[in-house]
């Protein structure tokens, strides 16, 4: 069964978001606990480590949405 444009766009969003999650994991794999804590606190922009965790969690959602939108916009 052939996929329609919306299904292909959803797949593009899922793949781009998933690849972003993999990239974040790969980047953090070699860090110590202190480095991860410090990085999350820095990403929290003065609001603490919890805000940094929220920021890191939002990045794959943003990238997935951009992948979905780009596919819908550029696909014929």
N, C-alpha and C. Protein backbone atom coordinates (compact mmCIF):
# COMPACT_ATOMS: atom_id res chain seq x y z
N UNK A 1 0.84 -1.18 0.00
CA UNK A 1 0.00 0.00 0.00
C UNK A 1 0.88 1.24 0.00
N UNK A 2 0.62 2.14 -0.90
CA UNK A 2 1.40 3.36 -1.02
C UNK A 2 1.03 4.35 0.07
N UNK A 3 2.04 5.06 0.54
CA UNK A 3 1.80 6.07 1.58
C UNK A 3 1.42 7.39 0.91
N UNK A 4 0.50 8.12 1.54
CA UNK A 4 0.15 9.43 0.99
C UNK A 4 1.12 10.48 1.54
N UNK A 5 0.95 11.71 1.11
CA UNK A 5 1.87 12.79 1.47
C UNK A 5 1.91 13.01 2.97
N UNK A 6 0.77 12.96 3.65
CA UNK A 6 0.74 13.18 5.10
C UNK A 6 1.49 12.07 5.85
N UNK A 7 1.33 10.84 5.42
CA UNK A 7 2.04 9.73 6.06
C UNK A 7 3.54 9.84 5.84
N UNK A 8 3.95 10.25 4.64
CA UNK A 8 5.37 10.42 4.36
C UNK A 8 5.95 11.58 5.19
N UNK A 9 5.18 12.65 5.33
CA UNK A 9 5.63 13.78 6.14
C UNK A 9 5.76 13.37 7.60
N UNK A 10 4.81 12.57 8.10
CA UNK A 10 4.89 12.09 9.47
C UNK A 10 6.11 11.20 9.66
N UNK A 11 6.41 10.38 8.68
CA UNK A 11 7.60 9.53 8.75
C UNK A 11 8.87 10.37 8.75
N UNK A 12 8.91 11.41 7.94
CA UNK A 12 10.07 12.31 7.92
C UNK A 12 10.25 12.98 9.27
N UNK A 13 9.17 13.41 9.89
CA UNK A 13 9.25 14.02 11.21
C UNK A 13 9.73 13.04 12.25
N UNK A 14 9.23 11.81 12.20
CA UNK A 14 9.62 10.79 13.16
C UNK A 14 11.10 10.44 13.01
N UNK A 15 11.55 10.28 11.80
CA UNK A 15 12.95 9.92 11.55
C UNK A 15 13.88 11.05 11.98
N UNK A 16 13.54 12.30 11.65
CA UNK A 16 14.42 13.42 12.01
C UNK A 16 14.45 13.61 13.53
N UNK A 17 13.31 13.47 14.20
CA UNK A 17 13.30 13.57 15.65
C UNK A 17 14.07 12.43 16.30
N UNK A 18 13.91 11.22 15.77
CA UNK A 18 14.63 10.07 16.30
C UNK A 18 16.14 10.19 16.10
N UNK A 19 16.55 10.71 14.97
CA UNK A 19 17.97 10.91 14.71
C UNK A 19 18.54 11.95 15.67
N UNK A 20 17.75 12.96 16.00
CA UNK A 20 18.19 13.97 16.95
C UNK A 20 18.39 13.36 18.34
N UNK A 21 17.47 12.49 18.75
CA UNK A 21 17.61 11.81 20.04
C UNK A 21 18.90 10.99 20.06
N UNK A 22 19.17 10.28 18.97
CA UNK A 22 20.41 9.51 18.87
C UNK A 22 21.64 10.39 18.94
N UNK A 23 21.59 11.53 18.30
CA UNK A 23 22.71 12.47 18.34
C UNK A 23 22.97 13.02 19.72
N UNK A 24 21.90 13.34 20.43
CA UNK A 24 22.05 13.84 21.80
C UNK A 24 22.66 12.76 22.68
N UNK A 25 22.18 11.53 22.54
CA UNK A 25 22.73 10.42 23.31
C UNK A 25 24.19 10.16 22.99
N UNK A 26 24.54 10.24 21.73
CA UNK A 26 25.92 10.02 21.32
C UNK A 26 26.82 11.12 21.89
N UNK A 27 26.34 12.36 21.88
CA UNK A 27 27.14 13.47 22.39
C UNK A 27 27.35 13.36 23.90
N UNK A 28 26.37 12.83 24.60
CA UNK A 28 26.47 12.73 26.06
C UNK A 28 27.14 11.45 26.53
N UNK A 29 27.38 10.51 25.65
CA UNK A 29 27.88 9.19 26.05
C UNK A 29 29.23 9.25 26.74
N UNK A 30 30.09 10.13 26.35
CA UNK A 30 31.43 10.18 26.92
C UNK A 30 31.58 11.14 28.08
N UNK A 31 30.51 11.77 28.51
CA UNK A 31 30.59 12.77 29.56
C UNK A 31 30.45 12.15 30.94
N UNK A 32 31.08 12.78 31.92
CA UNK A 32 30.92 12.35 33.30
C UNK A 32 29.61 12.92 33.85
N UNK A 33 29.22 12.45 35.02
CA UNK A 33 27.99 12.95 35.64
C UNK A 33 28.09 14.45 35.92
N UNK A 34 29.26 14.90 36.33
CA UNK A 34 29.44 16.33 36.62
C UNK A 34 29.32 17.16 35.34
N UNK A 35 29.85 16.65 34.24
CA UNK A 35 29.74 17.38 32.97
C UNK A 35 28.30 17.42 32.48
N UNK A 36 27.57 16.33 32.62
CA UNK A 36 26.16 16.31 32.21
C UNK A 36 25.36 17.28 33.07
N UNK A 37 25.58 17.26 34.38
CA UNK A 37 24.86 18.16 35.28
C UNK A 37 25.16 19.61 34.94
N UNK A 38 26.43 19.91 34.73
CA UNK A 38 26.82 21.29 34.39
C UNK A 38 26.24 21.73 33.06
N UNK A 39 26.23 20.84 32.09
CA UNK A 39 25.67 21.17 30.77
C UNK A 39 24.18 21.42 30.86
N UNK A 40 23.46 20.57 31.58
CA UNK A 40 22.01 20.76 31.73
C UNK A 40 21.70 22.05 32.47
N UNK A 41 22.49 22.37 33.50
CA UNK A 41 22.28 23.63 34.21
C UNK A 41 22.55 24.83 33.31
N UNK A 42 23.58 24.72 32.46
CA UNK A 42 23.87 25.80 31.52
C UNK A 42 22.75 25.97 30.51
N UNK A 43 22.25 24.86 29.99
CA UNK A 43 21.14 24.92 29.04
C UNK A 43 19.86 25.45 29.69
N UNK A 44 19.76 25.31 31.00
CA UNK A 44 18.61 25.84 31.73
C UNK A 44 18.58 27.35 31.80
N UNK A 45 19.65 28.00 31.37
CA UNK A 45 19.73 29.46 31.26
C UNK A 45 19.35 30.17 32.56
N UNK A 46 19.92 29.70 33.66
CA UNK A 46 19.68 30.35 34.94
C UNK A 46 18.48 29.83 35.70
N UNK A 47 17.72 28.93 35.11
CA UNK A 47 16.54 28.37 35.78
C UNK A 47 16.82 26.98 36.36
N UNK A 48 18.04 26.49 36.25
CA UNK A 48 18.42 25.23 36.86
C UNK A 48 18.45 24.06 35.89
N UNK A 49 18.82 22.94 36.48
CA UNK A 49 19.00 21.73 35.69
C UNK A 49 17.67 21.21 35.13
N UNK A 50 16.59 21.35 35.87
CA UNK A 50 15.29 20.88 35.39
C UNK A 50 14.88 21.60 34.11
N UNK A 51 15.15 22.89 34.05
CA UNK A 51 14.86 23.64 32.83
C UNK A 51 15.75 23.18 31.68
N UNK A 52 16.99 22.80 31.99
CA UNK A 52 17.89 22.26 30.97
C UNK A 52 17.39 20.94 30.43
N UNK A 53 16.86 20.10 31.33
CA UNK A 53 16.28 18.82 30.89
C UNK A 53 15.09 19.08 29.97
N UNK A 54 14.26 20.06 30.33
CA UNK A 54 13.11 20.39 29.48
C UNK A 54 13.56 20.90 28.12
N UNK A 55 14.62 21.70 28.11
CA UNK A 55 15.14 22.22 26.84
C UNK A 55 15.66 21.09 25.96
N UNK A 56 16.41 20.16 26.56
CA UNK A 56 16.94 19.04 25.80
C UNK A 56 15.81 18.14 25.29
N UNK A 57 14.77 17.97 26.09
CA UNK A 57 13.63 17.15 25.67
C UNK A 57 12.85 17.81 24.53
N UNK A 58 12.85 19.13 24.50
CA UNK A 58 12.08 19.85 23.47
C UNK A 58 12.79 19.86 22.11
N UNK A 59 14.10 19.70 22.11
CA UNK A 59 14.85 19.79 20.85
C UNK A 59 14.41 18.74 19.83
N UNK A 60 14.28 17.44 20.19
CA UNK A 60 13.82 16.47 19.18
C UNK A 60 12.40 16.75 18.68
N UNK A 61 11.56 17.28 19.56
CA UNK A 61 10.21 17.64 19.13
C UNK A 61 10.25 18.76 18.09
N UNK A 62 11.10 19.75 18.34
CA UNK A 62 11.24 20.86 17.40
C UNK A 62 11.80 20.37 16.06
N UNK A 63 12.83 19.56 16.11
CA UNK A 63 13.43 19.04 14.87
C UNK A 63 12.45 18.16 14.12
N UNK A 64 11.70 17.33 14.85
CA UNK A 64 10.69 16.49 14.21
C UNK A 64 9.62 17.32 13.53
N UNK A 65 9.18 18.38 14.20
CA UNK A 65 8.20 19.28 13.59
C UNK A 65 8.74 19.98 12.36
N UNK A 66 10.00 20.36 12.43
CA UNK A 66 10.62 20.99 11.25
C UNK A 66 10.75 20.00 10.10
N UNK A 67 11.11 18.74 10.40
CA UNK A 67 11.19 17.72 9.36
C UNK A 67 9.83 17.47 8.72
N UNK A 68 8.79 17.40 9.54
CA UNK A 68 7.43 17.21 9.04
C UNK A 68 7.03 18.38 8.14
N UNK A 69 7.24 19.60 8.64
CA UNK A 69 6.85 20.78 7.87
C UNK A 69 7.64 20.93 6.58
N UNK A 70 8.92 20.64 6.65
CA UNK A 70 9.75 20.77 5.44
C UNK A 70 9.30 19.77 4.38
N UNK A 71 9.00 18.55 4.79
CA UNK A 71 8.55 17.56 3.81
C UNK A 71 7.22 17.99 3.19
N UNK A 72 6.29 18.44 4.02
CA UNK A 72 4.98 18.87 3.49
C UNK A 72 5.14 20.05 2.54
N UNK A 73 6.07 20.94 2.86
CA UNK A 73 6.26 22.13 2.03
C UNK A 73 6.95 21.80 0.71
N UNK A 74 7.94 20.92 0.76
CA UNK A 74 8.77 20.69 -0.42
C UNK A 74 8.32 19.52 -1.30
N UNK A 75 7.53 18.60 -0.76
CA UNK A 75 7.10 17.45 -1.55
C UNK A 75 5.96 17.85 -2.50
N UNK A 76 5.98 17.25 -3.64
CA UNK A 76 4.94 17.56 -4.62
C UNK A 76 3.79 16.60 -4.50
